[in-house]
């Protein structure tokens, strides 16, 4: 499924199977999740994509060919491919162990072709080797929704108990399972009057679920905002206690409105999340060895990508939307 121009539907194309370069692997895609970041690309809010582009950066696939320089991965192994697809290794951020802030990165499904396809190539260094148990469509959302949710979660004070989550979609439904397993009390904030999402949050263990405009019954120690809505930032600040943190977990957000300083005072903090590191992935999958996480997915065929995207855009997906290949 090919993206040709912002604001237009994806187009189904028959293309040659790509061939891996020296440091790449060729994957037969098992499934690819649809992420809200994909919507920001398709709508032109992220304005520098490779064109034409095959989107998709929540990829689970099986290796069918390896480049000559690849020694750590083998044919027939299962791997996952995330948003961060390449870093230079030479800029000051890479040298500081902050490759998520690399000055010369490439991103899967944005500046390099992604997983809305039957086959794709990926840099072997940015593939996560997986157990065979992950070779299924339900694993796909782990590679962005899961990873970015986990990186956002890692930014809050470990002593925080009352955790607010704004925007209860793919990332939130994975993160809440980890947070509750680690003793957090989760307060879920959804679009106003979205009772279906609120019921979904409660079914996963949220202690309270309500509209984003509501005041929760207890003060929050921290809040994570997954919805790309800038006006949620001052709302979250009103609800967090002194020394609390508001973590903005999206790559794009509408403008944050002006707010009075008293909302920030008391050593409250606002912080954004940018991409992820490979270490985040290793840490995340290590946690999954001890915390049972189940993704709720709605499955679509590759040719149904536009329908799936529209349903995600209108909030009609509970959990995550995933494209599966024949």
C-alpha atoms as a PDB file:
ATOM      1  CA  UNK A   1       0.000   0.000   0.000  1.00  0.00           C
ATOM      2  CA  UNK A   2       1.703   3.149  -1.270  1.00  0.00           C
ATOM      3  CA  UNK A   3       1.439   6.707   0.053  1.00  0.00           C
ATOM      4  CA  UNK A   4       1.777   9.219  -2.779  1.00  0.00           C
ATOM      5  CA  UNK A   5       0.393  12.524  -1.483  1.00  0.00           C
ATOM      6  CA  UNK A   6      -0.853  13.942   1.819  1.00  0.00           C
ATOM      7  CA  UNK A   7      -4.614  13.788   2.238  1.00  0.00           C
ATOM      8  CA  UNK A   8      -5.089  11.065  -0.350  1.00  0.00           C
ATOM      9  CA  UNK A   9      -5.834   7.366   0.246  1.00  0.00           C
ATOM     10  CA  UNK A  10      -3.103   4.770  -0.046  1.00  0.00           C
ATOM     11  CA  UNK A  11      -2.872   3.002  -3.391  1.00  0.00           C
ATOM     12  CA  UNK A  12      -2.470  -0.756  -3.822  1.00  0.00           C
ATOM     13  CA  UNK A  13       0.539  -1.393  -6.085  1.00  0.00           C
ATOM     14  CA  UNK A  14       2.301  -4.500  -7.376  1.00  0.00           C
ATOM     15  CA  UNK A  15       6.020  -3.825  -6.856  1.00  0.00           C
ATOM     16  CA  UNK A  16       9.184  -5.916  -7.226  1.00  0.00           C
ATOM     17  CA  UNK A  17      10.338  -7.687  -4.063  1.00  0.00           C
ATOM     18  CA  UNK A  18      13.092  -5.460  -2.591  1.00  0.00           C
ATOM     19  CA  UNK A  19      16.588  -6.882  -2.212  1.00  0.00           C
ATOM     20  CA  UNK A  20      18.629  -6.419   0.964  1.00  0.00           C
ATOM     21  CA  UNK A  21      21.763  -4.277   0.942  1.00  0.00           C
ATOM     22  CA  UNK A  22      24.938  -5.476   2.644  1.00  0.00           C
ATOM     23  CA  UNK A  23      23.704  -4.616   6.166  1.00  0.00           C
ATOM     24  CA  UNK A  24      20.023  -5.418   5.648  1.00  0.00           C
ATOM     25  CA  UNK A  25      17.663  -8.362   5.883  1.00  0.00           C
ATOM     26  CA  UNK A  26      14.703  -9.144   3.649  1.00  0.00           C
ATOM     27  CA  UNK A  27      11.544  -9.932   5.597  1.00  0.00           C
ATOM     28  CA  UNK A  28       8.363 -11.652   4.603  1.00  0.00           C
ATOM     29  CA  UNK A  29       5.969  -9.550   6.626  1.00  0.00           C
ATOM     30  CA  UNK A  30       3.635 -11.432   8.937  1.00  0.00           C
ATOM     31  CA  UNK A  31       1.791  -8.346  10.169  1.00  0.00           C
ATOM     32  CA  UNK A  32       2.184  -4.602  10.534  1.00  0.00           C
ATOM     33  CA  UNK A  33       0.379  -2.466  13.075  1.00  0.00           C
ATOM     34  CA  UNK A  34      -1.226   0.846  12.195  1.00  0.00           C
ATOM     35  CA  UNK A  35       0.046   3.598  14.461  1.00  0.00           C
ATOM     36  CA  UNK A  36      -1.282   7.095  15.066  1.00  0.00           C
ATOM     37  CA  UNK A  37       2.059   8.343  13.747  1.00  0.00           C
ATOM     38  CA  UNK A  38       1.031   6.879  10.391  1.00  0.00           C
ATOM     39  CA  UNK A  39      -1.981   9.194  10.460  1.00  0.00           C
ATOM     40  CA  UNK A  40       0.272  12.194  11.103  1.00  0.00           C
ATOM     41  CA  UNK A  41       2.302  11.215   8.031  1.00  0.00           C
ATOM     42  CA  UNK A  42      -0.700  10.608   5.792  1.00  0.00           C
ATOM     43  CA  UNK A  43      -2.345  13.861   6.893  1.00  0.00           C
ATOM     44  CA  UNK A  44       0.796  15.904   6.220  1.00  0.00           C
ATOM     45  CA  UNK A  45       1.435  16.817   9.858  1.00  0.00           C
ATOM     46  CA  UNK A  46       4.824  15.096   9.580  1.00  0.00           C
ATOM     47  CA  UNK A  47       5.872  16.834   6.413  1.00  0.00           C
ATOM     48  CA  UNK A  48       9.118  15.243   5.194  1.00  0.00           C
ATOM     49  CA  UNK A  49       8.321  11.660   4.178  1.00  0.00           C
ATOM     50  CA  UNK A  50      10.088   9.797   1.418  1.00  0.00           C
ATOM     51  CA  UNK A  51       7.713   9.816  -1.568  1.00  0.00           C
ATOM     52  CA  UNK A  52       6.365   7.543  -2.803  1.00  0.00           C
ATOM     53  CA  UNK A  53       6.367   5.718   0.512  1.00  0.00           C
ATOM     54  CA  UNK A  54       5.293   2.370   1.901  1.00  0.00           C
ATOM     55  CA  UNK A  55       4.189   3.273   5.466  1.00  0.00           C
ATOM     56  CA  UNK A  56       4.211   1.106   8.564  1.00  0.00           C
ATOM     57  CA  UNK A  57       6.635   0.746  11.464  1.00  0.00           C
ATOM     58  CA  UNK A  58       5.160  -1.918  13.737  1.00  0.00           C
ATOM     59  CA  UNK A  59       6.472  -4.888  11.793  1.00  0.00           C
ATOM     60  CA  UNK A  60       6.708  -8.562  12.637  1.00  0.00           C
ATOM     61  CA  UNK A  61       8.325 -10.635   9.927  1.00  0.00           C
ATOM     62  CA  UNK A  62      10.361 -13.696   9.075  1.00  0.00           C
ATOM     63  CA  UNK A  63      13.805 -13.352   7.501  1.00  0.00           C
ATOM     64  CA  UNK A  64      13.976 -14.837   4.018  1.00  0.00           C
ATOM     65  CA  UNK A  65      17.329 -13.371   2.912  1.00  0.00           C
ATOM     66  CA  UNK A  66      20.287 -11.635   4.587  1.00  0.00           C
ATOM     67  CA  UNK A  67      22.825  -9.186   3.200  1.00  0.00           C
ATOM     68  CA  UNK A  68      26.430 -10.242   2.860  1.00  0.00           C
ATOM     69  CA  UNK A  69      27.509  -8.228   5.894  1.00  0.00           C
ATOM     70  CA  UNK A  70      24.863  -9.580   8.265  1.00  0.00           C
ATOM     71  CA  UNK A  71      26.172 -12.169  10.716  1.00  0.00           C
ATOM     72  CA  UNK A  72      23.932 -11.773  13.790  1.00  0.00           C
ATOM     73  CA  UNK A  73      20.656 -12.777  12.117  1.00  0.00           C
ATOM     74  CA  UNK A  74      19.790 -15.861  10.116  1.00  0.00           C
ATOM     75  CA  UNK A  75      17.247 -16.909   7.512  1.00  0.00           C
ATOM     76  CA  UNK A  76      13.940 -18.099   9.021  1.00  0.00           C
ATOM     77  CA  UNK A  77      14.366 -16.161  12.287  1.00  0.00           C
ATOM     78  CA  UNK A  78      11.461 -13.986  13.427  1.00  0.00           C
ATOM     79  CA  UNK A  79      12.195 -10.298  14.055  1.00  0.00           C
ATOM     80  CA  UNK A  80      10.387  -7.120  14.939  1.00  0.00           C
ATOM     81  CA  UNK A  81      11.115  -3.771  13.281  1.00  0.00           C
ATOM     82  CA  UNK A  82      10.380  -0.474  15.085  1.00  0.00           C
ATOM     83  CA  UNK A  83      10.099   3.208  14.098  1.00  0.00           C
ATOM     84  CA  UNK A  84      13.813   3.943  14.515  1.00  0.00           C
ATOM     85  CA  UNK A  85      15.383   2.311  11.475  1.00  0.00           C
ATOM     86  CA  UNK A  86      18.914   3.762  11.354  1.00  0.00           C
ATOM     87  CA  UNK A  87      21.229   6.037  13.329  1.00  0.00           C
ATOM     88  CA  UNK A  88      24.577   7.451  12.276  1.00  0.00           C
ATOM     89  CA  UNK A  89      26.546   6.405  15.368  1.00  0.00           C
ATOM     90  CA  UNK A  90      28.768   9.484  15.054  1.00  0.00           C
ATOM     91  CA  UNK A  91      26.804  12.534  16.220  1.00  0.00           C
ATOM     92  CA  UNK A  92      27.052  13.773  19.800  1.00  0.00           C
ATOM     93  CA  UNK A  93      23.759  12.151  20.773  1.00  0.00           C
ATOM     94  CA  UNK A  94      24.725   8.723  19.452  1.00  0.00           C
ATOM     95  CA  UNK A  95      28.039   8.985  21.280  1.00  0.00           C
ATOM     96  CA  UNK A  96      26.159   9.842  24.508  1.00  0.00           C
ATOM     97  CA  UNK A  97      23.966   6.749  24.232  1.00  0.00           C
ATOM     98  CA  UNK A  98      20.968   8.849  23.133  1.00  0.00           C
ATOM     99  CA  UNK A  99      20.480   7.389  19.672  1.00  0.00           C
ATOM    100  CA  UNK A 100      16.789   8.290  19.818  1.00  0.00           C
ATOM    101  CA  UNK A 101      17.960  11.904  19.338  1.00  0.00           C
ATOM    102  CA  UNK A 102      20.385  11.125  16.479  1.00  0.00           C
ATOM    103  CA  UNK A 103      20.989  14.074  14.146  1.00  0.00           C
ATOM    104  CA  UNK A 104      20.972  11.856  11.047  1.00  0.00           C
ATOM    105  CA  UNK A 105      18.318   9.181  11.612  1.00  0.00           C
ATOM    106  CA  UNK A 106      16.103   7.223   9.276  1.00  0.00           C
ATOM    107  CA  UNK A 107      12.623   6.132  10.305  1.00  0.00           C
ATOM    108  CA  UNK A 108      10.750   3.027   9.226  1.00  0.00           C
ATOM    109  CA  UNK A 109       7.646   3.860   7.230  1.00  0.00           C
ATOM    110  CA  UNK A 110       8.586   7.555   6.998  1.00  0.00           C
ATOM    111  CA  UNK A 111      12.011   8.115   5.462  1.00  0.00           C
ATOM    112  CA  UNK A 112      12.498   4.457   4.513  1.00  0.00           C
ATOM    113  CA  UNK A 113       9.853   2.037   3.269  1.00  0.00           C
ATOM    114  CA  UNK A 114       7.956   0.155   5.941  1.00  0.00           C
ATOM    115  CA  UNK A 115       5.659  -2.762   6.512  1.00  0.00           C
ATOM    116  CA  UNK A 116       2.405  -2.104   4.649  1.00  0.00           C
ATOM    117  CA  UNK A 117       3.670  -4.700   2.193  1.00  0.00           C
ATOM    118  CA  UNK A 118       4.206  -8.419   1.778  1.00  0.00           C
ATOM    119  CA  UNK A 119       7.997  -7.944   1.838  1.00  0.00           C
ATOM    120  CA  UNK A 120      10.271  -5.269   3.246  1.00  0.00           C
ATOM    121  CA  UNK A 121      13.960  -4.737   3.975  1.00  0.00           C
ATOM    122  CA  UNK A 122      15.368  -3.456   7.268  1.00  0.00           C
ATOM    123  CA  UNK A 123      18.754  -2.642   8.766  1.00  0.00           C
ATOM    124  CA  UNK A 124      19.752  -5.790  10.661  1.00  0.00           C
ATOM    125  CA  UNK A 125      21.121  -3.699  13.538  1.00  0.00           C
ATOM    126  CA  UNK A 126      17.641  -2.263  14.166  1.00  0.00           C
ATOM    127  CA  UNK A 127      15.743  -5.541  14.170  1.00  0.00           C
ATOM    128  CA  UNK A 128      14.780  -7.262  17.405  1.00  0.00           C
ATOM    129  CA  UNK A 129      15.242 -11.038  17.319  1.00  0.00           C
ATOM    130  CA  UNK A 130      12.072 -12.683  18.670  1.00  0.00           C
ATOM    131  CA  UNK A 131      11.026 -16.044  19.997  1.00  0.00           C
ATOM    132  CA  UNK A 132       8.826 -18.036  17.664  1.00  0.00           C
ATOM    133  CA  UNK A 133       5.884 -17.281  19.969  1.00  0.00           C
ATOM    134  CA  UNK A 134       5.902 -13.695  18.679  1.00  0.00           C
ATOM    135  CA  UNK A 135       5.376 -14.754  15.051  1.00  0.00           C
ATOM    136  CA  UNK A 136       1.756 -13.589  15.021  1.00  0.00           C
ATOM    137  CA  UNK A 137      -0.279 -10.516  14.193  1.00  0.00           C
ATOM    138  CA  UNK A 138      -0.985  -9.665  17.832  1.00  0.00           C
ATOM    139  CA  UNK A 139       2.715  -8.928  18.383  1.00  0.00           C
ATOM    140  CA  UNK A 140       2.855  -6.068  15.868  1.00  0.00           C
ATOM    141  CA  UNK A 141       1.592  -3.265  18.182  1.00  0.00           C
ATOM    142  CA  UNK A 142       4.432  -3.982  20.615  1.00  0.00           C
ATOM    143  CA  UNK A 143       6.908  -2.357  18.221  1.00  0.00           C
ATOM    144  CA  UNK A 144       5.671   1.202  18.568  1.00  0.00           C
ATOM    145  CA  UNK A 145       2.611   1.416  20.783  1.00  0.00           C
ATOM    146  CA  UNK A 146       4.352  -0.879  23.235  1.00  0.00           C
ATOM    147  CA  UNK A 147       7.838   0.596  22.961  1.00  0.00           C
ATOM    148  CA  UNK A 148       6.840   4.267  23.066  1.00  0.00           C
ATOM    149  CA  UNK A 149       4.411   3.595  25.888  1.00  0.00           C
ATOM    150  CA  UNK A 150       7.203   1.862  27.787  1.00  0.00           C
ATOM    151  CA  UNK A 151       9.697   4.695  27.174  1.00  0.00           C
ATOM    152  CA  UNK A 152       7.080   7.200  28.382  1.00  0.00           C
ATOM    153  CA  UNK A 153       6.435   5.087  31.468  1.00  0.00           C
ATOM    154  CA  UNK A 154      10.154   4.872  32.235  1.00  0.00           C
ATOM    155  CA  UNK A 155      10.267   8.662  32.491  1.00  0.00           C
ATOM    156  CA  UNK A 156       7.945   8.902  35.484  1.00  0.00           C
ATOM    157  CA  UNK A 157       9.185   8.695  39.056  1.00  0.00           C
ATOM    158  CA  UNK A 158       9.251   4.990  40.027  1.00  0.00           C
ATOM    159  CA  UNK A 159       7.631   6.005  43.347  1.00  0.00           C
ATOM    160  CA  UNK A 160       4.531   7.336  41.538  1.00  0.00           C
ATOM    161  CA  UNK A 161       1.395   5.358  42.343  1.00  0.00           C
ATOM    162  CA  UNK A 162      -1.532   7.270  40.843  1.00  0.00           C
ATOM    163  CA  UNK A 163      -0.932   7.341  37.098  1.00  0.00           C
ATOM    164  CA  UNK A 164      -3.159   9.190  34.662  1.00  0.00           C
ATOM    165  CA  UNK A 165      -3.269   8.083  31.023  1.00  0.00           C
ATOM    166  CA  UNK A 166      -4.809  10.502  28.509  1.00  0.00           C
ATOM    167  CA  UNK A 167      -5.903   8.885  25.260  1.00  0.00           C
ATOM    168  CA  UNK A 168      -6.804   5.237  25.693  1.00  0.00           C
ATOM    169  CA  UNK A 169      -5.719   3.592  22.470  1.00  0.00           C
ATOM    170  CA  UNK A 170      -3.053   1.146  21.339  1.00  0.00           C
ATOM    171  CA  UNK A 171      -0.216   2.404  23.559  1.00  0.00           C
ATOM    172  CA  UNK A 172      -2.377   2.833  26.651  1.00  0.00           C
ATOM    173  CA  UNK A 173      -3.956  -0.614  26.486  1.00  0.00           C
ATOM    174  CA  UNK A 174      -0.482  -2.205  26.528  1.00  0.00           C
ATOM    175  CA  UNK A 175       1.027   0.097  29.137  1.00  0.00           C
ATOM    176  CA  UNK A 176      -1.821  -0.252  31.636  1.00  0.00           C
ATOM    177  CA  UNK A 177      -1.096  -3.979  31.932  1.00  0.00           C
ATOM    178  CA  UNK A 178       2.532  -3.304  32.885  1.00  0.00           C
ATOM    179  CA  UNK A 179       1.646  -0.434  35.232  1.00  0.00           C
ATOM    180  CA  UNK A 180      -0.946  -2.444  37.148  1.00  0.00           C
ATOM    181  CA  UNK A 181       1.407  -5.414  37.416  1.00  0.00           C
ATOM    182  CA  UNK A 182       3.898  -3.037  39.032  1.00  0.00           C
ATOM    183  CA  UNK A 183       1.440  -1.743  41.600  1.00  0.00           C
ATOM    184  CA  UNK A 184       0.226   1.452  39.954  1.00  0.00           C
ATOM    185  CA  UNK A 185      -3.335   2.738  40.159  1.00  0.00           C
ATOM    186  CA  UNK A 186      -4.392   3.865  36.704  1.00  0.00           C
ATOM    187  CA  UNK A 187      -6.837   6.668  35.896  1.00  0.00           C
ATOM    188  CA  UNK A 188      -7.908   6.546  32.235  1.00  0.00           C
ATOM    189  CA  UNK A 189      -9.001   9.691  30.396  1.00  0.00           C
ATOM    190  CA  UNK A 190     -10.810   9.330  27.062  1.00  0.00           C
ATOM    191  CA  UNK A 191     -12.576  11.536  24.548  1.00  0.00           C
ATOM    192  CA  UNK A 192     -15.626  13.057  26.160  1.00  0.00           C
ATOM    193  CA  UNK A 193     -18.558  10.631  26.286  1.00  0.00           C
ATOM    194  CA  UNK A 194     -16.527   7.763  24.807  1.00  0.00           C
ATOM    195  CA  UNK A 195     -18.144   5.208  27.072  1.00  0.00           C
ATOM    196  CA  UNK A 196     -16.873   2.287  25.005  1.00  0.00           C
ATOM    197  CA  UNK A 197     -13.233   3.312  25.573  1.00  0.00           C
ATOM    198  CA  UNK A 198     -13.941   3.902  29.269  1.00  0.00           C
ATOM    199  CA  UNK A 199     -15.417   0.420  29.624  1.00  0.00           C
ATOM    200  CA  UNK A 200     -12.400  -0.969  27.789  1.00  0.00           C
ATOM    201  CA  UNK A 201     -10.025   0.790  30.207  1.00  0.00           C
ATOM    202  CA  UNK A 202     -11.908  -0.530  33.231  1.00  0.00           C
ATOM    203  CA  UNK A 203     -11.890  -4.047  31.783  1.00  0.00           C
ATOM    204  CA  UNK A 204      -8.090  -3.844  31.759  1.00  0.00           C
ATOM    205  CA  UNK A 205      -7.953  -2.768  35.382  1.00  0.00           C
ATOM    206  CA  UNK A 206      -8.240   1.027  35.420  1.00  0.00           C
ATOM    207  CA  UNK A 207      -9.374   2.170  38.858  1.00  0.00           C
ATOM    208  CA  UNK A 208     -11.256   5.067  37.294  1.00  0.00           C
ATOM    209  CA  UNK A 209     -12.151   6.049  33.734  1.00  0.00           C
ATOM    210  CA  UNK A 210     -13.753   9.263  32.585  1.00  0.00           C
ATOM    211  CA  UNK A 211     -13.725  12.176  30.169  1.00  0.00           C
ATOM    212  CA  UNK A 212     -10.489  14.089  29.590  1.00  0.00           C
ATOM    213  CA  UNK A 213     -12.179  17.235  30.868  1.00  0.00           C
ATOM    214  CA  UNK A 214     -13.079  15.609  34.196  1.00  0.00           C
ATOM    215  CA  UNK A 215     -11.213  15.896  37.492  1.00  0.00           C
ATOM    216  CA  UNK A 216     -10.271  12.435  38.809  1.00  0.00           C
ATOM    217  CA  UNK A 217     -11.283  11.434  42.348  1.00  0.00           C
ATOM    218  CA  UNK A 218      -7.642  11.473  43.508  1.00  0.00           C
ATOM    219  CA  UNK A 219      -4.588  13.613  42.755  1.00  0.00           C
ATOM    220  CA  UNK A 220      -2.234  12.083  40.203  1.00  0.00           C
ATOM    221  CA  UNK A 221       1.450  11.484  40.838  1.00  0.00           C
ATOM    222  CA  UNK A 222       2.145  11.472  37.095  1.00  0.00           C
ATOM    223  CA  UNK A 223       0.321  11.615  33.776  1.00  0.00           C
ATOM    224  CA  UNK A 224       1.147  10.317  30.312  1.00  0.00           C
ATOM    225  CA  UNK A 225      -0.558  11.918  27.313  1.00  0.00           C
ATOM    226  CA  UNK A 226      -0.885   9.749  24.216  1.00  0.00           C
ATOM    227  CA  UNK A 227      -3.639  11.774  22.531  1.00  0.00           C
ATOM    228  CA  UNK A 228      -2.169  14.408  20.139  1.00  0.00           C
ATOM    229  CA  UNK A 229      -4.181  17.194  21.795  1.00  0.00           C
ATOM    230  CA  UNK A 230      -2.212  20.109  23.215  1.00  0.00           C
ATOM    231  CA  UNK A 231      -5.029  21.346  25.434  1.00  0.00           C
ATOM    232  CA  UNK A 232      -4.647  18.190  27.521  1.00  0.00           C
ATOM    233  CA  UNK A 233      -1.319  19.441  28.893  1.00  0.00           C
ATOM    234  CA  UNK A 234      -2.753  22.150  31.181  1.00  0.00           C
ATOM    235  CA  UNK A 235      -5.628  19.811  32.078  1.00  0.00           C
ATOM    236  CA  UNK A 236      -3.128  17.187  33.209  1.00  0.00           C
ATOM    237  CA  UNK A 237      -1.098  19.786  35.122  1.00  0.00           C
ATOM    238  CA  UNK A 238      -4.228  20.712  37.070  1.00  0.00           C
ATOM    239  CA  UNK A 239      -4.646  17.094  38.113  1.00  0.00           C
ATOM    240  CA  UNK A 240      -1.098  16.193  39.141  1.00  0.00           C
ATOM    241  CA  UNK A 241       0.329  16.715  42.596  1.00  0.00           C
ATOM    242  CA  UNK A 242       3.447  18.693  43.464  1.00  0.00           C
ATOM    243  CA  UNK A 243       6.605  17.237  41.882  1.00  0.00           C
ATOM    244  CA  UNK A 244       4.407  15.365  39.422  1.00  0.00           C
ATOM    245  CA  UNK A 245       5.296  14.804  35.789  1.00  0.00           C
ATOM    246  CA  UNK A 246       3.335  15.190  32.581  1.00  0.00           C
ATOM    247  CA  UNK A 247       4.872  13.064  29.824  1.00  0.00           C
ATOM    248  CA  UNK A 248       3.852  13.792  26.227  1.00  0.00           C
ATOM    249  CA  UNK A 249       4.191  10.477  24.444  1.00  0.00           C
ATOM    250  CA  UNK A 250       3.370  11.441  20.852  1.00  0.00           C
ATOM    251  CA  UNK A 251       5.534  12.590  17.958  1.00  0.00           C
ATOM    252  CA  UNK A 252       3.039  15.312  17.033  1.00  0.00           C
ATOM    253  CA  UNK A 253       0.669  17.387  19.136  1.00  0.00           C
ATOM    254  CA  UNK A 254      -1.591  20.351  18.462  1.00  0.00           C
ATOM    255  CA  UNK A 255      -0.590  23.661  20.021  1.00  0.00           C
ATOM    256  CA  UNK A 256      -0.476  23.779  23.798  1.00  0.00           C
ATOM    257  CA  UNK A 257      -2.594  26.717  24.998  1.00  0.00           C
ATOM    258  CA  UNK A 258      -1.213  29.299  27.385  1.00  0.00           C
ATOM    259  CA  UNK A 259      -1.637  28.477  31.052  1.00  0.00           C
ATOM    260  CA  UNK A 260      -0.870  30.214  34.322  1.00  0.00           C
ATOM    261  CA  UNK A 261       2.435  29.529  36.034  1.00  0.00           C
ATOM    262  CA  UNK A 262       0.764  28.228  39.179  1.00  0.00           C
ATOM    263  CA  UNK A 263      -0.094  25.006  37.288  1.00  0.00           C
ATOM    264  CA  UNK A 264       3.607  24.353  36.749  1.00  0.00           C
ATOM    265  CA  UNK A 265       4.874  25.640  40.073  1.00  0.00           C
ATOM    266  CA  UNK A 266       5.596  23.135  42.812  1.00  0.00           C
ATOM    267  CA  UNK A 267       8.337  21.467  40.759  1.00  0.00           C
ATOM    268  CA  UNK A 268       5.911  19.946  38.311  1.00  0.00           C
ATOM    269  CA  UNK A 269       7.483  18.937  35.019  1.00  0.00           C
ATOM    270  CA  UNK A 270       6.472  18.581  31.363  1.00  0.00           C
ATOM    271  CA  UNK A 271       8.583  16.299  29.198  1.00  0.00           C
ATOM    272  CA  UNK A 272       8.335  14.960  25.663  1.00  0.00           C
ATOM    273  CA  UNK A 273       9.282  11.535  24.370  1.00  0.00           C
ATOM    274  CA  UNK A 274      11.319  11.296  21.170  1.00  0.00           C
ATOM    275  CA  UNK A 275      11.539   7.981  19.360  1.00  0.00           C
ATOM    276  CA  UNK A 276      13.227   5.126  21.229  1.00  0.00           C
ATOM    277  CA  UNK A 277      16.561   3.401  21.625  1.00  0.00           C
ATOM    278  CA  UNK A 278      17.432  -0.199  20.937  1.00  0.00           C
ATOM    279  CA  UNK A 279      18.061  -0.571  24.653  1.00  0.00           C
ATOM    280  CA  UNK A 280      14.436   0.419  25.277  1.00  0.00           C
ATOM    281  CA  UNK A 281      13.439  -2.575  23.181  1.00  0.00           C
ATOM    282  CA  UNK A 282      15.695  -4.961  25.047  1.00  0.00           C
ATOM    283  CA  UNK A 283      14.411  -3.683  28.406  1.00  0.00           C
ATOM    284  CA  UNK A 284      10.790  -3.850  27.247  1.00  0.00           C
ATOM    285  CA  UNK A 285      10.960  -7.440  26.061  1.00  0.00           C
ATOM    286  CA  UNK A 286      12.828  -8.391  29.207  1.00  0.00           C
ATOM    287  CA  UNK A 287       9.894  -7.055  31.270  1.00  0.00           C
ATOM    288  CA  UNK A 288       7.483  -9.067  29.127  1.00  0.00           C
ATOM    289  CA  UNK A 289       9.184 -12.218  30.394  1.00  0.00           C
ATOM    290  CA  UNK A 290       7.682 -11.566  33.828  1.00  0.00           C
ATOM    291  CA  UNK A 291       4.578  -9.485  32.995  1.00  0.00           C
ATOM    292  CA  UNK A 292       1.876 -11.074  30.880  1.00  0.00           C
ATOM    293  CA  UNK A 293       0.747  -8.535  28.279  1.00  0.00           C
ATOM    294  CA  UNK A 294      -2.025  -9.225  25.781  1.00  0.00           C
ATOM    295  CA  UNK A 295      -2.758  -6.933  22.871  1.00  0.00           C
ATOM    296  CA  UNK A 296      -6.308  -6.398  21.702  1.00  0.00           C
ATOM    297  CA  UNK A 297      -6.247  -6.108  17.953  1.00  0.00           C
ATOM    298  CA  UNK A 298      -8.620  -5.638  15.078  1.00  0.00           C
ATOM    299  CA  UNK A 299      -7.281  -7.373  11.986  1.00  0.00           C
ATOM    300  CA  UNK A 300      -7.482  -6.126   8.398  1.00  0.00           C
ATOM    301  CA  UNK A 301      -6.122  -7.464   5.125  1.00  0.00           C
ATOM    302  CA  UNK A 302      -3.405  -5.367   3.459  1.00  0.00           C
ATOM    303  CA  UNK A 303      -5.838  -4.140   0.808  1.00  0.00           C
ATOM    304  CA  UNK A 304      -8.132  -2.864   3.584  1.00  0.00           C
ATOM    305  CA  UNK A 305      -5.524  -0.433   4.936  1.00  0.00           C
ATOM    306  CA  UNK A 306      -7.534   2.691   4.070  1.00  0.00           C
ATOM    307  CA  UNK A 307     -10.584   1.386   5.912  1.00  0.00           C
ATOM    308  CA  UNK A 308      -8.480   0.575   8.956  1.00  0.00           C
ATOM    309  CA  UNK A 309      -6.839   4.008   8.900  1.00  0.00           C
ATOM    310  CA  UNK A 310     -10.207   5.757   8.731  1.00  0.00           C
ATOM    311  CA  UNK A 311     -11.536   3.740  11.640  1.00  0.00           C
ATOM    312  CA  UNK A 312      -8.478   4.592  13.725  1.00  0.00           C
ATOM    313  CA  UNK A 313      -8.817   8.270  12.848  1.00  0.00           C
ATOM    314  CA  UNK A 314     -12.442   8.340  14.030  1.00  0.00           C
ATOM    315  CA  UNK A 315     -11.742   6.470  17.270  1.00  0.00           C
ATOM    316  CA  UNK A 316     -13.549   3.297  16.231  1.00  0.00           C
ATOM    317  CA  UNK A 317     -10.720   0.891  17.102  1.00  0.00           C
ATOM    318  CA  UNK A 318     -10.454  -0.547  20.609  1.00  0.00           C
ATOM    319  CA  UNK A 319      -6.829  -1.431  21.135  1.00  0.00           C
ATOM    320  CA  UNK A 320      -4.794  -1.618  17.929  1.00  0.00           C
ATOM    321  CA  UNK A 321      -5.436  -2.045  14.215  1.00  0.00           C
ATOM    322  CA  UNK A 322      -3.187  -4.534  12.438  1.00  0.00           C
ATOM    323  CA  UNK A 323      -2.659  -5.381   8.770  1.00  0.00           C
ATOM    324  CA  UNK A 324      -2.007  -9.053   8.024  1.00  0.00           C
ATOM    325  CA  UNK A 325      -0.429 -10.488   4.891  1.00  0.00           C
ATOM    326  CA  UNK A 326      -1.610 -13.536   2.972  1.00  0.00           C
END
